[in-house]
Protein backbone atom coordinates (compact mmCIF):
# COMPACT_ATOMS: atom_id res chain seq x y z
CA GLY A 1 109.43 52.59 116.40
CA GLU A 2 108.83 49.20 118.16
CA SER A 3 107.15 47.62 115.13
CA GLY A 4 110.26 48.29 113.07
CA ASP A 5 109.26 51.74 111.76
CA SER A 6 112.05 54.21 111.20
CA PHE A 7 111.98 57.41 113.27
CA SER A 8 110.67 59.45 110.31
CA GLU A 9 107.89 56.90 109.59
CA ALA A 10 106.87 57.04 113.25
CA LEU A 11 106.73 60.85 113.06
CA GLN A 12 104.70 60.71 109.85
CA LYS A 13 101.81 59.12 111.76
CA HIS A 14 101.35 62.39 113.68
CA PRO A 15 100.93 65.04 110.98
CA LYS A 16 99.45 67.55 113.42
CA ALA A 17 102.58 67.59 115.57
CA PHE A 18 105.23 67.05 112.87
CA SER A 19 104.98 68.89 109.56
CA ARG A 20 106.05 67.42 106.23
CA LEU A 21 109.21 69.53 106.34
CA TYR A 22 110.08 67.96 109.70
CA VAL A 23 109.46 64.38 108.54
CA CYS A 24 111.41 64.80 105.29
CA MET A 25 114.42 66.32 107.02
CA VAL A 26 114.47 63.48 109.57
CA ALA A 27 114.14 60.92 106.75
CA ALA A 28 117.03 62.57 104.88
CA GLY A 29 119.07 62.52 108.09
CA GLU A 30 118.40 58.80 108.53
CA LYS A 31 119.46 58.05 104.96
CA GLY A 32 122.66 60.06 105.24
CA GLY A 33 123.40 58.98 108.81
CA LEU A 34 123.38 62.60 110.02
CA LEU A 35 120.30 62.46 112.21
CA ALA A 36 121.74 64.30 115.23
CA GLU A 37 123.07 67.13 113.06
CA ILE A 38 119.79 67.47 111.19
CA LEU A 39 117.73 67.54 114.38
CA ALA A 40 119.96 70.34 115.66
CA ARG A 41 119.38 72.19 112.36
CA LEU A 42 115.65 71.67 112.64
CA ALA A 43 115.67 73.11 116.14
CA THR A 44 117.48 76.24 114.89
CA TYR A 45 115.06 76.55 111.96
CA LEU A 46 112.00 76.26 114.21
CA GLU A 47 113.45 78.72 116.74
CA ASN A 48 114.10 81.29 114.01
CA THR A 49 110.61 81.03 112.51
CA ALA A 50 108.94 81.07 115.95
CA ARG A 51 110.94 84.14 117.01
CA LEU A 52 109.92 86.06 113.91
CA ARG A 53 106.25 85.08 114.28
CA LYS A 54 106.31 86.27 117.89
CA LYS A 55 107.81 89.63 116.88
CA VAL A 56 105.18 90.20 114.19
CA LYS A 57 102.36 89.27 116.57
CA SER A 58 103.55 91.58 119.33
CA ALA A 59 104.04 94.44 116.86
CA MET A 60 100.46 94.03 115.59
CA MET A 61 98.98 93.67 119.06
CA TYR A 62 99.30 97.35 120.05
CA PRO A 63 97.56 98.97 117.04
CA THR A 64 94.81 96.33 117.13
CA VAL A 65 94.02 96.96 120.81
CA VAL A 66 94.10 100.76 120.40
CA THR A 67 91.82 100.62 117.34
CA ILE A 68 89.27 98.46 119.19
CA VAL A 69 89.37 100.83 122.19
CA ALA A 70 88.91 103.84 119.86
CA ILE A 71 85.84 102.22 118.27
CA LEU A 72 84.36 101.38 121.69
CA ILE A 73 84.94 104.94 122.99
CA THR A 74 83.30 106.40 119.86
CA ILE A 75 80.27 104.11 120.21
CA PHE A 76 79.98 104.95 123.93
CA LEU A 77 80.09 108.70 123.22
CA LEU A 78 77.52 108.43 120.44
CA VAL A 79 75.11 106.25 122.40
CA LYS A 80 75.44 107.63 125.93
CA VAL A 81 76.99 111.12 125.97
CA VAL A 82 75.77 112.90 122.82
CA PRO A 83 72.03 112.24 123.46
CA VAL A 84 72.31 113.95 126.90
CA PHE A 85 73.69 117.09 125.24
CA GLY A 86 71.10 116.73 122.49
CA GLU A 87 68.25 116.85 125.03
CA ILE A 88 69.72 119.93 126.76
CA PHE A 89 70.05 121.76 123.45
CA ALA A 90 66.55 120.73 122.38
CA SER A 91 65.14 122.49 125.45
CA PHE A 92 66.60 125.79 124.18
CA ASN A 93 64.46 125.62 121.01
CA ALA A 94 67.22 127.41 119.10
CA THR A 95 68.85 126.56 115.77
CA LEU A 96 71.97 124.56 116.45
CA PRO A 97 75.25 124.81 114.49
CA ALA A 98 75.37 122.38 111.53
CA PRO A 99 78.19 120.13 112.93
CA THR A 100 76.23 119.66 116.18
CA LEU A 101 73.06 118.78 114.26
CA TYR A 102 74.92 116.21 112.17
CA LEU A 103 76.47 114.64 115.24
CA ILE A 104 73.06 114.39 116.95
CA LYS A 105 71.63 112.77 113.79
CA ILE A 106 74.49 110.25 113.68
CA SER A 107 74.04 109.62 117.41
CA ASN A 108 70.29 108.94 117.00
CA PHE A 109 70.99 106.60 114.09
CA VAL A 110 73.66 104.65 116.01
CA LYS A 111 71.49 104.50 119.15
CA LYS A 112 68.54 103.17 117.16
CA PHE A 113 70.44 100.56 115.15
CA ILE A 114 73.30 99.73 117.55
CA LEU A 115 72.52 96.01 117.60
CA LEU A 116 72.19 95.85 113.83
CA ILE A 117 75.47 97.75 113.39
CA LEU A 118 77.30 95.39 115.75
CA LEU A 119 75.75 92.34 114.08
CA ALA A 120 76.65 93.65 110.62
CA GLY A 121 80.23 94.36 111.76
CA GLY A 122 80.54 90.89 113.29
CA GLY A 123 78.96 89.30 110.22
CA ALA A 124 81.31 91.16 107.87
CA ALA A 125 84.37 90.07 109.91
CA TYR A 126 83.15 86.45 110.02
CA GLY A 127 82.36 86.52 106.28
CA TRP A 128 85.83 87.87 105.48
CA PHE A 129 87.62 85.22 107.56
CA TYR A 130 85.44 82.52 106.01
CA PHE A 131 86.21 83.89 102.51
CA ILE A 132 89.99 83.86 102.99
CA LYS A 133 89.81 80.21 104.07
CA THR A 134 88.40 79.24 100.66
CA PRO A 135 90.99 78.63 97.89
CA ALA A 136 89.73 81.56 95.78
CA GLY A 137 89.64 83.84 98.82
CA ARG A 138 93.12 82.81 99.89
CA LEU A 139 94.54 83.49 96.45
CA PHE A 140 92.82 86.89 96.39
CA TRP A 141 94.10 87.81 99.86
CA ASP A 142 97.63 86.44 99.31
CA SER A 143 98.08 88.34 96.04
CA HIS A 144 96.76 91.62 97.51
CA ARG A 145 98.31 91.29 100.96
CA ILE A 146 101.85 91.69 99.65
CA LYS A 147 100.85 94.87 97.77
CA LEU A 148 99.59 96.70 100.86
CA PRO A 149 101.62 99.73 101.95
CA VAL A 150 104.18 98.94 104.73
CA PHE A 151 102.34 95.79 105.91
CA GLY A 152 102.63 94.29 102.42
CA VAL A 153 106.41 94.70 102.44
CA ILE A 154 106.58 92.88 105.78
CA ALA A 155 104.25 90.08 104.64
CA HIS A 156 106.25 89.61 101.42
CA LYS A 157 109.59 89.51 103.25
CA ILE A 158 108.25 87.02 105.81
CA CYS A 159 107.26 84.64 102.99
CA LEU A 160 110.62 85.12 101.25
CA ALA A 161 112.52 84.53 104.50
CA ARG A 162 110.53 81.37 105.17
CA PHE A 163 111.13 80.22 101.58
CA SER A 164 114.90 80.82 101.80
CA ARG A 165 115.32 79.25 105.23
CA THR A 166 113.26 76.16 104.41
CA LEU A 167 115.03 75.70 101.07
CA ALA A 168 118.46 76.08 102.72
CA SER A 169 117.62 73.59 105.49
CA LEU A 170 116.31 70.96 103.08
CA ILE A 171 119.10 71.30 100.50
CA ARG A 172 121.67 71.06 103.30
CA SER A 173 119.96 67.95 104.65
CA GLY A 174 120.36 66.22 101.31
CA VAL A 175 116.67 65.94 100.36
CA PRO A 176 116.32 65.57 96.54
CA ILE A 177 115.69 69.00 94.94
CA LEU A 178 112.25 68.25 93.43
CA GLU A 179 110.98 66.92 96.75
CA VAL A 180 112.54 69.99 98.40
CA LEU A 181 110.50 72.32 96.18
CA GLN A 182 107.28 70.41 96.84
CA ILE A 183 107.75 70.79 100.61
CA VAL A 184 108.88 74.42 100.32
CA SER A 185 105.81 75.34 98.25
CA GLN A 186 103.61 74.11 101.09
CA THR A 187 105.43 75.94 103.86
CA VAL A 188 105.85 79.47 102.41
CA GLY A 189 102.38 80.50 103.58
CA ASN A 190 101.42 82.42 100.45
CA MET A 191 99.47 80.91 97.55
CA VAL A 192 101.06 83.13 94.89
CA MET A 193 104.54 82.05 95.99
CA GLU A 194 103.35 78.44 96.33
CA LYS A 195 102.21 78.42 92.67
CA ALA A 196 105.47 80.08 91.58
CA VAL A 197 107.56 77.43 93.37
CA LYS A 198 105.50 74.59 91.87
CA THR A 199 105.92 76.03 88.36
CA ALA A 200 109.66 76.49 89.02
CA ALA A 201 109.87 72.83 90.08
CA VAL A 202 108.59 71.79 86.63
CA ASP A 203 111.25 73.99 84.95
CA ILE A 204 114.00 72.58 87.17
CA GLU A 205 112.89 69.06 86.24
CA ARG A 206 113.47 70.08 82.62
CA GLY A 207 117.05 70.95 83.50
CA GLU A 208 116.90 74.68 84.27
CA THR A 209 118.84 76.19 87.15
CA ILE A 210 117.00 77.17 90.35
CA SER A 211 117.76 80.86 89.79
CA ALA A 212 116.57 80.84 86.15
CA SER A 213 113.33 79.07 87.01
CA LEU A 214 112.58 81.42 89.94
CA SER A 215 113.46 84.58 87.97
CA LYS A 216 110.33 84.12 85.79
CA HIS A 217 108.13 84.93 88.79
CA PRO A 218 107.90 88.57 89.89
CA ILE A 219 107.19 87.53 93.51
CA PHE A 220 110.94 86.77 93.81
CA PRO A 221 112.87 90.08 93.85
CA SER A 222 115.95 90.44 91.62
CA MET A 223 118.26 90.73 94.66
CA ILE A 224 117.28 87.23 95.80
CA ILE A 225 117.63 85.84 92.26
CA ARG A 226 121.16 87.35 92.02
CA MET A 227 122.20 85.83 95.35
CA VAL A 228 120.80 82.41 94.38
CA THR A 229 122.68 82.64 91.04
CA ALA A 230 125.90 83.41 92.92
CA GLY A 231 125.19 80.50 95.28
CA GLU A 232 124.68 78.10 92.36
CA GLN A 233 127.87 79.24 90.65
CA THR A 234 129.97 78.71 93.77
CA GLY A 235 128.16 75.50 94.70
CA LYS A 236 127.22 76.91 98.11
CA ILE A 237 123.55 77.62 97.50
CA ASP A 238 122.48 76.51 100.99
CA ASN A 239 124.87 79.00 102.65
CA MET A 240 123.70 81.76 100.35
CA LEU A 241 120.02 81.01 101.07
CA GLU A 242 120.73 80.97 104.79
CA ARG A 243 122.35 84.40 104.44
CA ILE A 244 119.36 85.71 102.47
CA ALA A 245 117.02 84.48 105.24
CA ASP A 246 119.12 86.12 107.97
CA PHE A 247 119.28 89.36 106.00
CA LEU A 248 115.49 89.35 105.44
CA ASP A 249 114.84 88.57 109.11
CA GLU A 250 116.92 91.58 110.11
CA GLU A 251 115.09 93.80 107.61
CA ILE A 252 111.71 92.59 108.89
CA GLU A 253 112.72 93.33 112.49
CA THR A 254 113.92 96.83 111.54
CA THR A 255 110.69 97.55 109.62
CA LEU A 256 108.60 96.27 112.53
CA ALA A 257 110.47 98.45 115.01
CA GLY A 258 109.99 101.49 112.77
CA LEU A 259 106.35 100.63 112.26
CA THR A 260 105.63 100.36 115.98
CA ALA A 261 107.23 103.78 116.48
CA LEU A 262 105.21 105.24 113.59
CA ILE A 263 101.85 103.71 114.52
CA GLU A 264 101.83 105.27 117.99
CA PRO A 265 101.60 108.96 116.93
CA ILE A 266 99.21 108.11 114.07
CA LEU A 267 96.81 106.37 116.45
CA ILE A 268 97.05 109.21 119.00
CA VAL A 269 96.25 111.78 116.28
CA PHE A 270 93.37 109.63 115.02
CA LEU A 271 91.95 109.28 118.54
CA GLY A 272 92.38 113.01 119.15
CA VAL A 273 90.63 113.96 115.92
CA VAL A 274 87.68 111.58 116.46
CA VAL A 275 87.07 112.19 120.16
CA GLY A 276 88.16 115.85 120.01
CA GLY A 277 85.93 116.47 117.01
CA MET A 278 82.91 115.08 118.82
CA VAL A 279 83.63 117.15 121.92
CA ILE A 280 84.00 120.35 119.85
CA CYS A 281 80.69 119.64 118.05
CA MET A 282 78.98 119.29 121.41
CA PHE A 283 80.48 122.48 122.83
CA LEU A 284 79.81 124.71 119.81
CA PRO A 285 76.25 125.60 120.95
CA ILE A 286 77.57 126.37 124.45
CA PHE A 287 79.79 129.10 123.00
CA LYS A 288 76.67 130.48 121.34
CA LEU A 289 74.63 130.27 124.55
CA PRO A 290 74.57 134.08 125.11
CA GLU A 291 73.05 134.55 121.63
CA ILE A 292 70.55 131.72 122.16
CA VAL A 293 69.48 133.01 125.59
CA ASN A 294 69.24 136.64 124.41
CA ALA A 295 67.21 135.57 121.41
CA LYS A 296 64.48 134.55 123.78
């Protein structure tokens, strides 16, 4: 600020560290002479969003790790353990039960093409992440992500909570409404919602209310529209939005807690079925050993 820049202009020169939301709120605070209050608000806003992100990440960590471990165990069994059994059974020269034969065939296939399989898996993952970075890919992923069972509900609520909290913070800071919507559209983190907010901004410019312009877009649930309407009628829209965000945050946390509890048994059953199934296939011929030996 030595060259006479205002605090917000100085922050604007570092877009990586300070987002547009941050700069605009500081600028609004400077104009209204409420800088200290607005910085305190910003801190609360950032704490809330960071806390939620942390919760989501930690909830997703467990299933991801277990799934990777399950895949590695399966590959290890197919490549190292099954062939040993296969060789033992081959020395009996007897017809093996169908499940065992299939497993040995799968094992041979995996053993032969293990590098190709790993490369293809890696390539597919890389391709997918590259695709969702492109605008078309992001739109595809954002519109389908919120329709997924359980995870979709969480993703949708996270975007709605971010939308409500950002909107509340900016309105409260005294940023002009059209500028508010431009910033909000860029911070919601979902392209479908971003487009909806930008379209709503055009309607608001024409003189429509916030609730009426948002109600045209199905991505905003009726409950939120009703609460925004009530907020507009009482003139306390920022308080109402803040309450919506708090309510959504609580719901997300509850869903996440339930999900973590639900994922555990599902993963254990999945692991049991996969590994147990392979073990049973390998032991089937052993139960038939008396027949095989007597047949000789």
